[in-house]
Amino acid sequence: MMQIERGAKRTAKPEIFLSHSSRDKIAAHRLAKTLNFCALDVWLDDWEIEVGQSLTDEVAKAMDASRFIAILITENYNKTVWTKTEYKKALAREQKEQRTVMLPLIIGEAEVPDFLEDKLYIDLRTEYFSGILNLVGMVHGITRYRLSQALLEHKPESVREVWGSLESIGFSPYVVLGKDDFQEVLNHGGQLVKPDYAQFSPDALLASSAVSDHTKALIRELM
């Protein structure tokens, strides 16, 4: 049985706000979905902002509400005025709260910008899923020692292998799903364990003719 947790229409603070250039939508969507599969609740503008809402207001509220602000550094990032404003807000929160708030993630052909000179960053260009494992561990408070030991034993190359590495160091991973996806899983055999938390059988969902192609595609990606 796998565990799932609802991700959209939140009643709690999202864990990560994903700041990115509008030119990097494909990379941002891929990363956000991978993080959802690996137990991180991600705020992504395309998933959250409804028609008629103020983009500026909703982004500002989400940045304030999220525990961390992940900066997706690409060759397009430093060319975008909006993203520069977002990383300045992240730095301001760090100074105010006296803790790490900004999580720099390097992807694509990007050069490391000047403002990251004194910060450690996660490089997703060469070992994508190892970077995902490090990010999940950091957000969920897993010690660097345990993460480094897991990576020494095996460098993950898929979501499933990230799950295996997390389980090997004592963390039980889960999938973060949107409200409608979560409800569909419950409607087809998922068992509610506590509010917004359930268990389900991937094989049973894939075998059911009543489950939508959309949800089946999500399960196949996970498996």
C-alpha atoms as a PDB file:
ATOM      1  CA  MET A   1       0.000   0.000   0.000  1.00  0.00           C
ATOM      2  CA  MET A   2       1.176   3.530  -0.759  1.00  0.00           C
ATOM      3  CA  GLN A   3       0.330   6.639   1.183  1.00  0.00           C
ATOM      4  CA  ILE A   4      -1.058   9.796  -0.364  1.00  0.00           C
ATOM      5  CA  GLU A   5      -1.690  13.276   0.946  1.00  0.00           C
ATOM      6  CA  ARG A   6      -3.878  15.982  -0.531  1.00  0.00           C
ATOM      7  CA  GLY A   7      -1.984  18.900  -1.962  1.00  0.00           C
ATOM      8  CA  ALA A   8      -4.341  21.487  -3.462  1.00  0.00           C
ATOM      9  CA  LYS A   9      -6.940  23.709  -1.731  1.00  0.00           C
ATOM     10  CA  ARG A  10      -4.678  23.585   1.268  1.00  0.00           C
ATOM     11  CA  THR A  11      -5.596  23.816   4.916  1.00  0.00           C
ATOM     12  CA  ALA A  12      -1.897  24.022   5.894  1.00  0.00           C
ATOM     13  CA  LYS A  13       1.066  26.015   4.651  1.00  0.00           C
ATOM     14  CA  PRO A  14       2.710  24.729   1.464  1.00  0.00           C
ATOM     15  CA  GLU A  15       6.287  23.595   2.038  1.00  0.00           C
ATOM     16  CA  ILE A  16       7.889  25.071  -1.087  1.00  0.00           C
ATOM     17  CA  PHE A  17       7.092  28.060  -3.271  1.00  0.00           C
ATOM     18  CA  LEU A  18       8.719  27.425  -6.651  1.00  0.00           C
ATOM     19  CA  SER A  19      10.094  30.662  -8.119  1.00  0.00           C
ATOM     20  CA  HIS A  20      10.903  30.371 -11.819  1.00  0.00           C
ATOM     21  CA  SER A  21      11.037  32.275 -15.087  1.00  0.00           C
ATOM     22  CA  SER A  22       7.918  32.049 -17.255  1.00  0.00           C
ATOM     23  CA  ARG A  23      10.250  30.726 -19.980  1.00  0.00           C
ATOM     24  CA  ASP A  24      10.952  27.665 -17.826  1.00  0.00           C
ATOM     25  CA  LYS A  25       7.392  26.404 -17.385  1.00  0.00           C
ATOM     26  CA  ILE A  26       8.165  22.887 -18.616  1.00  0.00           C
ATOM     27  CA  ALA A  27      11.112  22.458 -16.246  1.00  0.00           C
ATOM     28  CA  ALA A  28       9.137  23.972 -13.352  1.00  0.00           C
ATOM     29  CA  HIS A  29       6.173  21.632 -13.934  1.00  0.00           C
ATOM     30  CA  ARG A  30       8.428  18.597 -14.133  1.00  0.00           C
ATOM     31  CA  LEU A  31      10.230  19.526 -10.930  1.00  0.00           C
ATOM     32  CA  ALA A  32       7.042  20.381  -9.027  1.00  0.00           C
ATOM     33  CA  LYS A  33       5.430  17.073 -10.003  1.00  0.00           C
ATOM     34  CA  THR A  34       8.541  15.116  -8.983  1.00  0.00           C
ATOM     35  CA  LEU A  35       8.601  16.865  -5.611  1.00  0.00           C
ATOM     36  CA  ASN A  36       4.882  16.118  -5.118  1.00  0.00           C
ATOM     37  CA  PHE A  37       5.662  12.448  -5.765  1.00  0.00           C
ATOM     38  CA  CYS A  38       8.428  12.639  -3.138  1.00  0.00           C
ATOM     39  CA  ALA A  39       6.460  14.003  -0.159  1.00  0.00           C
ATOM     40  CA  LEU A  40       6.817  17.755  -0.757  1.00  0.00           C
ATOM     41  CA  ASP A  41       3.829  20.070  -1.088  1.00  0.00           C
ATOM     42  CA  VAL A  42       4.771  22.588  -3.804  1.00  0.00           C
ATOM     43  CA  TRP A  43       3.081  25.890  -4.650  1.00  0.00           C
ATOM     44  CA  LEU A  44       3.234  26.471  -8.411  1.00  0.00           C
ATOM     45  CA  ASP A  45       1.413  29.463  -9.910  1.00  0.00           C
ATOM     46  CA  ASP A  46      -0.130  27.477 -12.779  1.00  0.00           C
ATOM     47  CA  TRP A  47      -1.703  25.065 -10.278  1.00  0.00           C
ATOM     48  CA  GLU A  48      -2.995  27.593  -7.786  1.00  0.00           C
ATOM     49  CA  ILE A  49      -4.098  30.909  -9.291  1.00  0.00           C
ATOM     50  CA  GLU A  50      -7.677  31.035 -10.602  1.00  0.00           C
ATOM     51  CA  VAL A  51      -8.980  33.185 -13.432  1.00  0.00           C
ATOM     52  CA  GLY A  52      -9.780  36.680 -12.131  1.00  0.00           C
ATOM     53  CA  GLN A  53      -7.405  36.539  -9.163  1.00  0.00           C
ATOM     54  CA  SER A  54      -4.557  39.015  -8.819  1.00  0.00           C
ATOM     55  CA  LEU A  55      -1.273  37.398  -9.840  1.00  0.00           C
ATOM     56  CA  THR A  56       0.737  39.839  -7.715  1.00  0.00           C
ATOM     57  CA  ASP A  57      -1.416  39.385  -4.606  1.00  0.00           C
ATOM     58  CA  GLU A  58      -1.606  35.587  -4.806  1.00  0.00           C
ATOM     59  CA  VAL A  59       2.131  35.194  -5.376  1.00  0.00           C
ATOM     60  CA  ALA A  60       2.911  37.523  -2.454  1.00  0.00           C
ATOM     61  CA  LYS A  61       0.584  35.576  -0.140  1.00  0.00           C
ATOM     62  CA  ALA A  62       2.052  32.244  -1.237  1.00  0.00           C
ATOM     63  CA  MET A  63       5.627  33.440  -0.694  1.00  0.00           C
ATOM     64  CA  ASP A  64       4.731  34.544   2.826  1.00  0.00           C
ATOM     65  CA  ALA A  65       2.881  31.308   3.609  1.00  0.00           C
ATOM     66  CA  SER A  66       5.416  28.798   2.247  1.00  0.00           C
ATOM     67  CA  ARG A  67       8.086  27.415   4.565  1.00  0.00           C
ATOM     68  CA  PHE A  68      10.752  27.655   1.862  1.00  0.00           C
ATOM     69  CA  ILE A  69      11.211  29.500  -1.415  1.00  0.00           C
ATOM     70  CA  ALA A  70      12.985  27.411  -4.053  1.00  0.00           C
ATOM     71  CA  ILE A  71      14.707  29.455  -6.753  1.00  0.00           C
ATOM     72  CA  LEU A  72      14.906  27.602 -10.072  1.00  0.00           C
ATOM     73  CA  ILE A  73      18.130  28.973 -11.576  1.00  0.00           C
ATOM     74  CA  THR A  74      18.341  28.604 -15.364  1.00  0.00           C
ATOM     75  CA  GLU A  75      19.830  30.606 -18.205  1.00  0.00           C
ATOM     76  CA  ASN A  76      16.535  32.560 -18.226  1.00  0.00           C
ATOM     77  CA  TYR A  77      16.346  33.358 -14.518  1.00  0.00           C
ATOM     78  CA  ASN A  78      18.591  36.424 -14.345  1.00  0.00           C
ATOM     79  CA  LYS A  79      16.885  37.910 -17.417  1.00  0.00           C
ATOM     80  CA  THR A  80      13.499  38.094 -15.681  1.00  0.00           C
ATOM     81  CA  VAL A  81      12.654  41.123 -13.538  1.00  0.00           C
ATOM     82  CA  TRP A  82       9.871  39.274 -11.696  1.00  0.00           C
ATOM     83  CA  THR A  83      12.134  36.464 -10.511  1.00  0.00           C
ATOM     84  CA  LYS A  84      14.737  38.942  -9.236  1.00  0.00           C
ATOM     85  CA  THR A  85      12.015  40.476  -7.078  1.00  0.00           C
ATOM     86  CA  GLU A  86      11.122  37.037  -5.712  1.00  0.00           C
ATOM     87  CA  TYR A  87      14.659  36.112  -4.672  1.00  0.00           C
ATOM     88  CA  LYS A  88      15.041  39.507  -2.970  1.00  0.00           C
ATOM     89  CA  LYS A  89      11.893  38.737  -0.973  1.00  0.00           C
ATOM     90  CA  ALA A  90      13.345  35.346  -0.051  1.00  0.00           C
ATOM     91  CA  LEU A  91      16.557  36.956   1.196  1.00  0.00           C
ATOM     92  CA  ALA A  92      14.531  39.502   3.182  1.00  0.00           C
ATOM     93  CA  ARG A  93      12.627  36.677   4.883  1.00  0.00           C
ATOM     94  CA  GLU A  94      15.892  34.967   5.772  1.00  0.00           C
ATOM     95  CA  GLN A  95      17.152  38.099   7.479  1.00  0.00           C
ATOM     96  CA  LYS A  96      13.870  38.633   9.293  1.00  0.00           C
ATOM     97  CA  GLU A  97      13.363  35.024  10.444  1.00  0.00           C
ATOM     98  CA  GLN A  98      17.068  34.216  10.976  1.00  0.00           C
ATOM     99  CA  ARG A  99      16.830  30.852   9.220  1.00  0.00           C
ATOM    100  CA  THR A 100      17.272  29.347   5.768  1.00  0.00           C
ATOM    101  CA  VAL A 101      14.344  30.247   3.528  1.00  0.00           C
ATOM    102  CA  MET A 102      15.817  30.378   0.012  1.00  0.00           C
ATOM    103  CA  LEU A 103      16.719  27.059  -1.617  1.00  0.00           C
ATOM    104  CA  PRO A 104      18.721  27.594  -4.839  1.00  0.00           C
ATOM    105  CA  LEU A 105      18.262  24.869  -7.465  1.00  0.00           C
ATOM    106  CA  ILE A 106      20.488  24.928 -10.569  1.00  0.00           C
ATOM    107  CA  ILE A 107      19.136  23.388 -13.768  1.00  0.00           C
ATOM    108  CA  GLY A 108      19.869  23.571 -17.494  1.00  0.00           C
ATOM    109  CA  GLU A 109      22.840  25.555 -18.825  1.00  0.00           C
ATOM    110  CA  ALA A 110      22.675  28.206 -16.120  1.00  0.00           C
ATOM    111  CA  GLU A 111      25.667  29.996 -14.703  1.00  0.00           C
ATOM    112  CA  VAL A 112      25.714  30.357 -10.929  1.00  0.00           C
ATOM    113  CA  PRO A 113      24.660  33.976 -10.238  1.00  0.00           C
ATOM    114  CA  ASP A 114      26.610  36.340  -7.993  1.00  0.00           C
ATOM    115  CA  PHE A 115      24.042  36.296  -5.185  1.00  0.00           C
ATOM    116  CA  LEU A 116      24.724  32.576  -4.644  1.00  0.00           C
ATOM    117  CA  GLU A 117      28.471  32.957  -4.134  1.00  0.00           C
ATOM    118  CA  ASP A 118      28.255  32.266  -0.395  1.00  0.00           C
ATOM    119  CA  LYS A 119      25.349  29.785  -0.495  1.00  0.00           C
ATOM    120  CA  LEU A 120      25.252  26.056  -0.994  1.00  0.00           C
ATOM    121  CA  TYR A 121      22.928  25.069  -3.793  1.00  0.00           C
ATOM    122  CA  ILE A 122      21.462  21.861  -5.203  1.00  0.00           C
ATOM    123  CA  ASP A 123      22.708  21.078  -8.700  1.00  0.00           C
ATOM    124  CA  LEU A 124      20.024  19.212 -10.658  1.00  0.00           C
ATOM    125  CA  ARG A 125      21.959  19.240 -13.934  1.00  0.00           C
ATOM    126  CA  THR A 126      23.895  15.993 -13.553  1.00  0.00           C
ATOM    127  CA  GLU A 127      22.367  13.958 -10.706  1.00  0.00           C
ATOM    128  CA  TYR A 128      18.723  15.020 -10.772  1.00  0.00           C
ATOM    129  CA  PHE A 129      17.263  12.482  -8.351  1.00  0.00           C
ATOM    130  CA  SER A 130      20.159  12.761  -5.903  1.00  0.00           C
ATOM    131  CA  GLY A 131      19.336  16.467  -5.757  1.00  0.00           C
ATOM    132  CA  ILE A 132      15.670  15.644  -5.190  1.00  0.00           C
ATOM    133  CA  LEU A 133      16.627  13.353  -2.303  1.00  0.00           C
ATOM    134  CA  ASN A 134      18.756  16.100  -0.728  1.00  0.00           C
ATOM    135  CA  LEU A 135      15.919  18.612  -1.058  1.00  0.00           C
ATOM    136  CA  VAL A 136      13.326  16.279   0.458  1.00  0.00           C
ATOM    137  CA  GLY A 137      15.672  15.489   3.321  1.00  0.00           C
ATOM    138  CA  MET A 138      16.401  19.130   4.021  1.00  0.00           C
ATOM    139  CA  VAL A 139      12.720  20.144   4.109  1.00  0.00           C
ATOM    140  CA  HIS A 140      11.701  17.181   6.279  1.00  0.00           C
ATOM    141  CA  GLY A 141      14.579  17.602   8.746  1.00  0.00           C
ATOM    142  CA  ILE A 142      16.554  14.463   7.864  1.00  0.00           C
ATOM    143  CA  THR A 143      20.173  14.870   8.948  1.00  0.00           C
ATOM    144  CA  ARG A 144      22.906  15.438   6.411  1.00  0.00           C
ATOM    145  CA  TYR A 145      24.691  12.395   7.834  1.00  0.00           C
ATOM    146  CA  ARG A 146      21.810  10.057   6.981  1.00  0.00           C
ATOM    147  CA  LEU A 147      21.352  11.567   3.536  1.00  0.00           C
ATOM    148  CA  SER A 148      25.041  11.325   2.685  1.00  0.00           C
ATOM    149  CA  GLN A 149      25.136   7.697   3.826  1.00  0.00           C
ATOM    150  CA  ALA A 150      22.125   6.866   1.663  1.00  0.00           C
ATOM    151  CA  LEU A 151      23.752   8.517  -1.357  1.00  0.00           C
ATOM    152  CA  LEU A 152      27.023   6.685  -0.771  1.00  0.00           C
ATOM    153  CA  GLU A 153      25.154   3.382  -0.850  1.00  0.00           C
ATOM    154  CA  HIS A 154      23.059   4.201  -3.926  1.00  0.00           C
ATOM    155  CA  LYS A 155      22.417   7.236  -6.127  1.00  0.00           C
ATOM    156  CA  PRO A 156      18.724   7.188  -7.084  1.00  0.00           C
ATOM    157  CA  GLU A 157      17.741   7.420 -10.744  1.00  0.00           C
ATOM    158  CA  SER A 158      13.944   7.519 -10.428  1.00  0.00           C
ATOM    159  CA  VAL A 159      11.158   8.552  -8.064  1.00  0.00           C
ATOM    160  CA  ARG A 160      10.819   4.947  -6.945  1.00  0.00           C
ATOM    161  CA  GLU A 161      14.508   4.823  -6.019  1.00  0.00           C
ATOM    162  CA  VAL A 162      14.194   8.116  -4.099  1.00  0.00           C
ATOM    163  CA  TRP A 163      11.412   6.418  -2.127  1.00  0.00           C
ATOM    164  CA  GLY A 164      13.698   3.450  -1.461  1.00  0.00           C
ATOM    165  CA  SER A 165      16.500   5.714  -0.210  1.00  0.00           C
ATOM    166  CA  LEU A 166      14.099   7.591   2.080  1.00  0.00           C
ATOM    167  CA  GLU A 167      12.722   4.350   3.494  1.00  0.00           C
ATOM    168  CA  SER A 168      16.263   3.077   4.110  1.00  0.00           C
ATOM    169  CA  ILE A 169      16.943   5.990   6.472  1.00  0.00           C
ATOM    170  CA  GLY A 170      13.654   5.771   8.362  1.00  0.00           C
ATOM    171  CA  PHE A 171      11.391   8.236   6.508  1.00  0.00           C
ATOM    172  CA  SER A 172       8.041   7.045   5.131  1.00  0.00           C
ATOM    173  CA  PRO A 173       7.425   8.866   1.825  1.00  0.00           C
ATOM    174  CA  TYR A 174       4.028   9.718   0.384  1.00  0.00           C
ATOM    175  CA  VAL A 175       2.480  11.344  -2.687  1.00  0.00           C
ATOM    176  CA  VAL A 176       0.985  14.830  -2.545  1.00  0.00           C
ATOM    177  CA  LEU A 177      -2.151  14.954  -4.705  1.00  0.00           C
ATOM    178  CA  GLY A 178      -4.596  17.663  -5.660  1.00  0.00           C
ATOM    179  CA  LYS A 179      -8.080  17.634  -4.146  1.00  0.00           C
ATOM    180  CA  ASP A 180      -9.766  16.028  -7.157  1.00  0.00           C
ATOM    181  CA  ASP A 181      -7.051  13.375  -7.620  1.00  0.00           C
ATOM    182  CA  PHE A 182      -7.170  12.589  -3.911  1.00  0.00           C
ATOM    183  CA  GLN A 183     -10.950  12.151  -4.007  1.00  0.00           C
ATOM    184  CA  GLU A 184     -10.773   9.859  -7.033  1.00  0.00           C
ATOM    185  CA  VAL A 185      -8.308   7.605  -5.226  1.00  0.00           C
ATOM    186  CA  LEU A 186     -10.667   7.443  -2.246  1.00  0.00           C
ATOM    187  CA  ASN A 187     -13.582   6.645  -4.533  1.00  0.00           C
ATOM    188  CA  HIS A 188     -11.751   3.614  -5.940  1.00  0.00           C
ATOM    189  CA  GLY A 189     -10.414   1.740  -2.951  1.00  0.00           C
ATOM    190  CA  GLY A 190      -8.253   4.251  -1.085  1.00  0.00           C
ATOM    191  CA  GLN A 191      -8.604   4.109   2.696  1.00  0.00           C
ATOM    192  CA  LEU A 192      -8.662   7.331   4.720  1.00  0.00           C
ATOM    193  CA  VAL A 193      -6.216   6.952   7.616  1.00  0.00           C
ATOM    194  CA  LYS A 194      -6.610  10.473   9.002  1.00  0.00           C
ATOM    195  CA  PRO A 195      -7.909  13.763   7.550  1.00  0.00           C
ATOM    196  CA  ASP A 196      -6.254  14.350   4.160  1.00  0.00           C
ATOM    197  CA  TYR A 197      -4.122  11.208   4.503  1.00  0.00           C
ATOM    198  CA  ALA A 198      -4.880   7.845   2.927  1.00  0.00           C
ATOM    199  CA  GLN A 199      -3.471   4.550   1.738  1.00  0.00           C
ATOM    200  CA  PHE A 200      -4.114   2.908  -1.607  1.00  0.00           C
ATOM    201  CA  SER A 201      -3.054   0.044  -3.846  1.00  0.00           C
ATOM    202  CA  PRO A 202      -1.454   1.247  -7.109  1.00  0.00           C
ATOM    203  CA  ASP A 203      -2.201  -2.077  -8.820  1.00  0.00           C
ATOM    204  CA  ALA A 204      -5.887  -1.858  -7.914  1.00  0.00           C
ATOM    205  CA  LEU A 205      -6.174   1.644  -9.358  1.00  0.00           C
ATOM    206  CA  LEU A 206      -4.447   0.659 -12.590  1.00  0.00           C
ATOM    207  CA  ALA A 207      -6.700  -2.394 -12.970  1.00  0.00           C
ATOM    208  CA  SER A 208      -9.953  -0.464 -12.489  1.00  0.00           C
ATOM    209  CA  SER A 209     -11.805   0.614 -15.632  1.00  0.00           C
ATOM    210  CA  ALA A 210     -13.537   3.335 -13.588  1.00  0.00           C
ATOM    211  CA  VAL A 211     -10.319   5.224 -12.766  1.00  0.00           C
ATOM    212  CA  SER A 212      -9.530   8.116 -15.111  1.00  0.00           C
ATOM    213  CA  ASP A 213      -6.617   7.998 -17.544  1.00  0.00           C
ATOM    214  CA  HIS A 214      -5.227  11.084 -15.788  1.00  0.00           C
ATOM    215  CA  THR A 215      -4.944   9.344 -12.416  1.00  0.00           C
ATOM    216  CA  LYS A 216      -3.596   6.167 -13.989  1.00  0.00           C
ATOM    217  CA  ALA A 217      -0.877   8.216 -15.683  1.00  0.00           C
ATOM    218  CA  LEU A 218       0.119   9.679 -12.307  1.00  0.00           C
ATOM    219  CA  ILE A 219       0.357   6.199 -10.774  1.00  0.00           C
ATOM    220  CA  ARG A 220       2.440   4.903 -13.683  1.00  0.00           C
ATOM    221  CA  GLU A 221       4.871   7.810 -13.281  1.00  0.00           C
ATOM    222  CA  LEU A 222       5.236   6.969  -9.617  1.00  0.00           C
ATOM    223  CA  MET A 223       5.816   3.274 -10.309  1.00  0.00           C
END
